């Protein structure tokens, strides 16, 4: 990579969703019989989980193109192949 930028880039997905929404998508994708447990937040729990990907967009010309619902099954399939097919 050419350029003068030093430091990390946030490559998260800027779509905001609650932890419950994330847990429900994971449950639907991996194990529909799983039970979601509710726990108290820790003191350092971030209240906002919407990463700022401005640097990645501006300097790398990168942004996510696949939604969580579309991408999670692809990730699970890839992970299962890597773990169980070797």
N, C-alpha and C. Protein backbone atom coordinates (compact mmCIF):
# COMPACT_ATOMS: atom_id res chain seq x y z
N UNK A 1 0.84 -1.17 0.00
CA UNK A 1 0.00 0.00 0.00
C UNK A 1 0.89 1.23 0.00
N UNK A 2 0.62 2.12 -0.88
CA UNK A 2 1.35 3.37 -0.97
C UNK A 2 0.64 4.43 -0.13
N UNK A 3 1.39 5.32 0.47
CA UNK A 3 0.76 6.40 1.21
C UNK A 3 1.47 6.71 2.50
N UNK A 4 1.04 7.75 3.17
CA UNK A 4 1.68 8.21 4.39
C UNK A 4 0.90 7.85 5.65
N UNK A 5 -0.23 7.20 5.51
CA UNK A 5 -1.06 6.89 6.68
C UNK A 5 -0.37 5.88 7.59
N UNK A 6 -0.37 6.18 8.88
CA UNK A 6 0.16 5.27 9.89
C UNK A 6 -0.97 5.02 10.88
N UNK A 7 -1.19 3.77 11.20
CA UNK A 7 -2.21 3.44 12.19
C UNK A 7 -3.26 2.51 11.65
N UNK A 8 -4.15 2.08 12.53
CA UNK A 8 -5.16 1.10 12.14
C UNK A 8 -6.32 1.71 11.35
N UNK A 9 -7.03 0.84 10.66
CA UNK A 9 -8.26 1.19 9.97
C UNK A 9 -9.37 0.37 10.60
N UNK A 10 -10.53 0.95 10.80
CA UNK A 10 -11.67 0.20 11.27
C UNK A 10 -12.37 -0.37 10.05
N UNK A 11 -12.42 -1.70 9.95
CA UNK A 11 -13.06 -2.34 8.82
C UNK A 11 -14.38 -3.01 9.22
N UNK A 12 -15.00 -2.48 10.24
CA UNK A 12 -16.28 -3.01 10.68
C UNK A 12 -17.40 -2.63 9.73
N UNK A 13 -18.59 -3.07 10.07
CA UNK A 13 -19.75 -2.73 9.28
C UNK A 13 -20.49 -1.59 9.97
N UNK A 14 -20.70 -0.48 9.29
CA UNK A 14 -21.33 0.66 9.94
C UNK A 14 -22.83 0.50 10.18
N UNK A 15 -23.42 -0.59 9.75
CA UNK A 15 -24.83 -0.84 10.05
C UNK A 15 -24.97 -1.07 11.55
N UNK A 16 -25.89 -0.36 12.18
CA UNK A 16 -26.02 -0.49 13.63
C UNK A 16 -27.16 -1.45 13.95
N UNK A 17 -26.89 -2.36 14.88
CA UNK A 17 -27.90 -3.30 15.36
C UNK A 17 -27.61 -3.60 16.81
N UNK A 18 -28.63 -4.02 17.53
CA UNK A 18 -28.45 -4.32 18.95
C UNK A 18 -27.79 -5.68 19.11
N UNK A 19 -27.30 -5.94 20.31
CA UNK A 19 -26.71 -7.25 20.58
C UNK A 19 -27.77 -8.35 20.48
N UNK A 20 -29.03 -8.02 20.83
CA UNK A 20 -30.10 -8.99 20.69
C UNK A 20 -30.34 -9.32 19.21
N UNK A 21 -30.33 -8.29 18.36
CA UNK A 21 -30.49 -8.54 16.93
C UNK A 21 -29.36 -9.41 16.40
N UNK A 22 -28.13 -9.13 16.83
CA UNK A 22 -26.99 -9.94 16.41
C UNK A 22 -27.15 -11.38 16.90
N UNK A 23 -27.53 -11.55 18.16
CA UNK A 23 -27.70 -12.89 18.72
C UNK A 23 -28.78 -13.66 17.96
N UNK A 24 -29.85 -12.99 17.59
CA UNK A 24 -30.93 -13.65 16.85
C UNK A 24 -30.46 -14.10 15.47
N UNK A 25 -29.67 -13.29 14.79
CA UNK A 25 -29.14 -13.67 13.47
C UNK A 25 -28.18 -14.85 13.62
N UNK A 26 -27.32 -14.80 14.63
CA UNK A 26 -26.40 -15.91 14.87
C UNK A 26 -27.18 -17.19 15.17
N UNK A 27 -28.19 -17.09 16.00
CA UNK A 27 -29.02 -18.24 16.36
C UNK A 27 -29.68 -18.83 15.11
N UNK A 28 -30.31 -17.98 14.29
CA UNK A 28 -30.95 -18.44 13.06
C UNK A 28 -29.97 -19.13 12.12
N UNK A 29 -28.75 -18.61 12.08
CA UNK A 29 -27.76 -19.11 11.14
C UNK A 29 -27.09 -20.39 11.61
N UNK A 30 -26.81 -20.48 12.91
CA UNK A 30 -25.99 -21.58 13.40
C UNK A 30 -26.80 -22.67 14.09
N UNK A 31 -27.71 -22.29 14.97
CA UNK A 31 -28.44 -23.30 15.74
C UNK A 31 -29.76 -22.70 16.23
N UNK A 32 -30.83 -22.99 15.52
CA UNK A 32 -32.12 -22.39 15.87
C UNK A 32 -32.64 -22.87 17.22
N UNK A 33 -32.06 -23.94 17.76
CA UNK A 33 -32.50 -24.41 19.08
C UNK A 33 -31.70 -23.77 20.22
N UNK A 34 -30.72 -22.96 19.89
CA UNK A 34 -29.90 -22.30 20.91
C UNK A 34 -30.76 -21.34 21.72
N UNK A 35 -30.36 -21.11 22.94
CA UNK A 35 -31.08 -20.20 23.83
C UNK A 35 -30.25 -18.94 24.03
N UNK A 36 -30.86 -17.80 23.93
CA UNK A 36 -30.17 -16.53 24.15
C UNK A 36 -30.25 -16.20 25.63
N UNK A 37 -29.09 -15.95 26.24
CA UNK A 37 -29.04 -15.59 27.66
C UNK A 37 -28.78 -14.10 27.79
N UNK A 38 -29.43 -13.48 28.74
CA UNK A 38 -29.25 -12.06 28.98
C UNK A 38 -28.39 -11.87 30.23
N UNK A 39 -27.35 -11.05 30.09
CA UNK A 39 -26.42 -10.77 31.18
C UNK A 39 -26.31 -9.26 31.35
N UNK A 40 -25.92 -8.83 32.54
CA UNK A 40 -25.69 -7.41 32.78
C UNK A 40 -24.48 -6.95 31.96
N UNK A 41 -24.55 -5.72 31.47
CA UNK A 41 -23.40 -5.15 30.76
C UNK A 41 -22.25 -4.91 31.73
N UNK A 42 -21.04 -5.01 31.22
CA UNK A 42 -19.88 -4.65 32.03
C UNK A 42 -19.73 -3.13 32.03
N UNK A 43 -18.95 -2.62 32.94
CA UNK A 43 -18.77 -1.16 33.06
C UNK A 43 -18.17 -0.56 31.79
N UNK A 44 -17.33 -1.32 31.10
CA UNK A 44 -16.67 -0.78 29.91
C UNK A 44 -17.39 -1.16 28.61
N UNK A 45 -18.62 -1.64 28.70
CA UNK A 45 -19.37 -2.03 27.51
C UNK A 45 -19.68 -0.80 26.66
N UNK A 46 -19.32 -0.86 25.36
CA UNK A 46 -19.63 0.30 24.51
C UNK A 46 -21.13 0.40 24.27
N UNK A 47 -21.67 1.60 24.35
CA UNK A 47 -23.10 1.78 24.13
C UNK A 47 -23.41 1.93 22.65
N UNK A 48 -22.41 2.29 21.89
CA UNK A 48 -22.59 2.45 20.45
C UNK A 48 -21.68 1.46 19.74
N UNK A 49 -22.26 0.67 18.88
CA UNK A 49 -21.49 -0.33 18.16
C UNK A 49 -21.57 -0.06 16.66
N UNK A 50 -21.38 1.15 16.30
CA UNK A 50 -21.43 1.54 14.90
C UNK A 50 -20.07 2.15 14.55
N UNK A 51 -19.18 1.35 13.98
CA UNK A 51 -17.83 1.84 13.73
C UNK A 51 -17.78 2.93 12.66
N UNK A 52 -16.84 3.81 12.82
CA UNK A 52 -16.61 4.87 11.84
C UNK A 52 -15.58 4.35 10.84
N UNK A 53 -16.03 4.08 9.62
CA UNK A 53 -15.12 3.53 8.61
C UNK A 53 -14.69 4.60 7.60
N UNK A 54 -14.76 5.85 8.00
CA UNK A 54 -14.42 6.97 7.10
C UNK A 54 -13.01 6.83 6.53
N UNK A 55 -12.02 6.51 7.40
CA UNK A 55 -10.64 6.39 6.90
C UNK A 55 -10.53 5.29 5.86
N UNK A 56 -11.16 4.16 6.10
CA UNK A 56 -11.11 3.06 5.14
C UNK A 56 -11.74 3.47 3.81
N UNK A 57 -12.86 4.18 3.88
CA UNK A 57 -13.51 4.64 2.65
C UNK A 57 -12.63 5.63 1.90
N UNK A 58 -12.09 6.61 2.64
CA UNK A 58 -11.32 7.68 2.00
C UNK A 58 -9.95 7.22 1.50
N UNK A 59 -9.23 6.48 2.32
CA UNK A 59 -7.85 6.14 1.98
C UNK A 59 -7.70 4.80 1.25
N UNK A 60 -8.58 3.85 1.54
CA UNK A 60 -8.48 2.54 0.91
C UNK A 60 -9.54 2.33 -0.18
N UNK A 61 -10.48 3.24 -0.24
CA UNK A 61 -11.61 3.09 -1.16
C UNK A 61 -12.34 1.78 -0.88
N UNK A 62 -12.53 1.48 0.41
CA UNK A 62 -13.15 0.24 0.85
C UNK A 62 -14.38 0.52 1.69
N UNK A 63 -15.41 -0.28 1.49
CA UNK A 63 -16.57 -0.29 2.37
C UNK A 63 -17.25 -1.65 2.22
N UNK A 64 -17.92 -2.12 3.27
CA UNK A 64 -18.57 -3.42 3.19
C UNK A 64 -19.70 -3.42 2.16
N UNK A 65 -19.85 -4.53 1.49
CA UNK A 65 -20.89 -4.64 0.47
C UNK A 65 -21.88 -5.75 0.78
N UNK A 66 -21.65 -6.50 1.84
CA UNK A 66 -22.50 -7.62 2.20
C UNK A 66 -23.08 -7.38 3.59
N UNK A 67 -24.37 -7.57 3.73
CA UNK A 67 -25.04 -7.36 5.02
C UNK A 67 -24.70 -8.50 5.98
N UNK A 68 -24.99 -8.27 7.24
CA UNK A 68 -24.77 -9.30 8.27
C UNK A 68 -25.56 -10.56 7.93
N UNK A 69 -26.83 -10.41 7.61
CA UNK A 69 -27.67 -11.58 7.30
C UNK A 69 -27.16 -12.36 6.10
N UNK A 70 -26.56 -11.67 5.15
CA UNK A 70 -26.02 -12.33 3.97
C UNK A 70 -24.63 -12.90 4.23
N UNK A 71 -23.82 -12.17 4.99
CA UNK A 71 -22.43 -12.56 5.18
C UNK A 71 -22.20 -13.60 6.26
N UNK A 72 -22.99 -13.60 7.32
CA UNK A 72 -22.77 -14.55 8.41
C UNK A 72 -22.85 -16.00 7.94
N UNK A 73 -23.86 -16.40 7.16
CA UNK A 73 -23.87 -17.78 6.68
C UNK A 73 -22.63 -18.14 5.84
N UNK A 74 -22.13 -17.19 5.05
CA UNK A 74 -20.93 -17.42 4.25
C UNK A 74 -19.72 -17.64 5.15
N UNK A 75 -19.62 -16.83 6.23
CA UNK A 75 -18.52 -16.97 7.18
C UNK A 75 -18.60 -18.32 7.90
N UNK A 76 -19.79 -18.70 8.32
CA UNK A 76 -19.97 -19.97 9.02
C UNK A 76 -19.59 -21.13 8.11
N UNK A 77 -20.03 -21.10 6.86
CA UNK A 77 -19.69 -22.15 5.90
C UNK A 77 -18.18 -22.24 5.70
N UNK A 78 -17.53 -21.10 5.54
CA UNK A 78 -16.08 -21.08 5.36
C UNK A 78 -15.37 -21.62 6.60
N UNK A 79 -15.81 -21.20 7.77
CA UNK A 79 -15.21 -21.65 9.03
C UNK A 79 -15.36 -23.15 9.18
N UNK A 80 -16.56 -23.67 8.91
CA UNK A 80 -16.78 -25.12 9.04
C UNK A 80 -15.89 -25.90 8.10
N UNK A 81 -15.71 -25.42 6.86
CA UNK A 81 -14.82 -26.09 5.92
C UNK A 81 -13.39 -26.11 6.44
N UNK A 82 -12.94 -24.97 6.95
CA UNK A 82 -11.57 -24.88 7.44
C UNK A 82 -11.33 -25.77 8.66
N UNK A 83 -12.32 -25.87 9.53
CA UNK A 83 -12.16 -26.64 10.76
C UNK A 83 -12.41 -28.13 10.54
N UNK A 84 -13.47 -28.45 9.83
CA UNK A 84 -13.90 -29.85 9.77
C UNK A 84 -13.45 -30.59 8.52
N UNK A 85 -13.03 -29.90 7.47
CA UNK A 85 -12.61 -30.57 6.25
C UNK A 85 -11.11 -30.81 6.17
N UNK A 86 -10.39 -30.45 7.22
CA UNK A 86 -8.93 -30.66 7.20
C UNK A 86 -8.53 -31.80 8.09
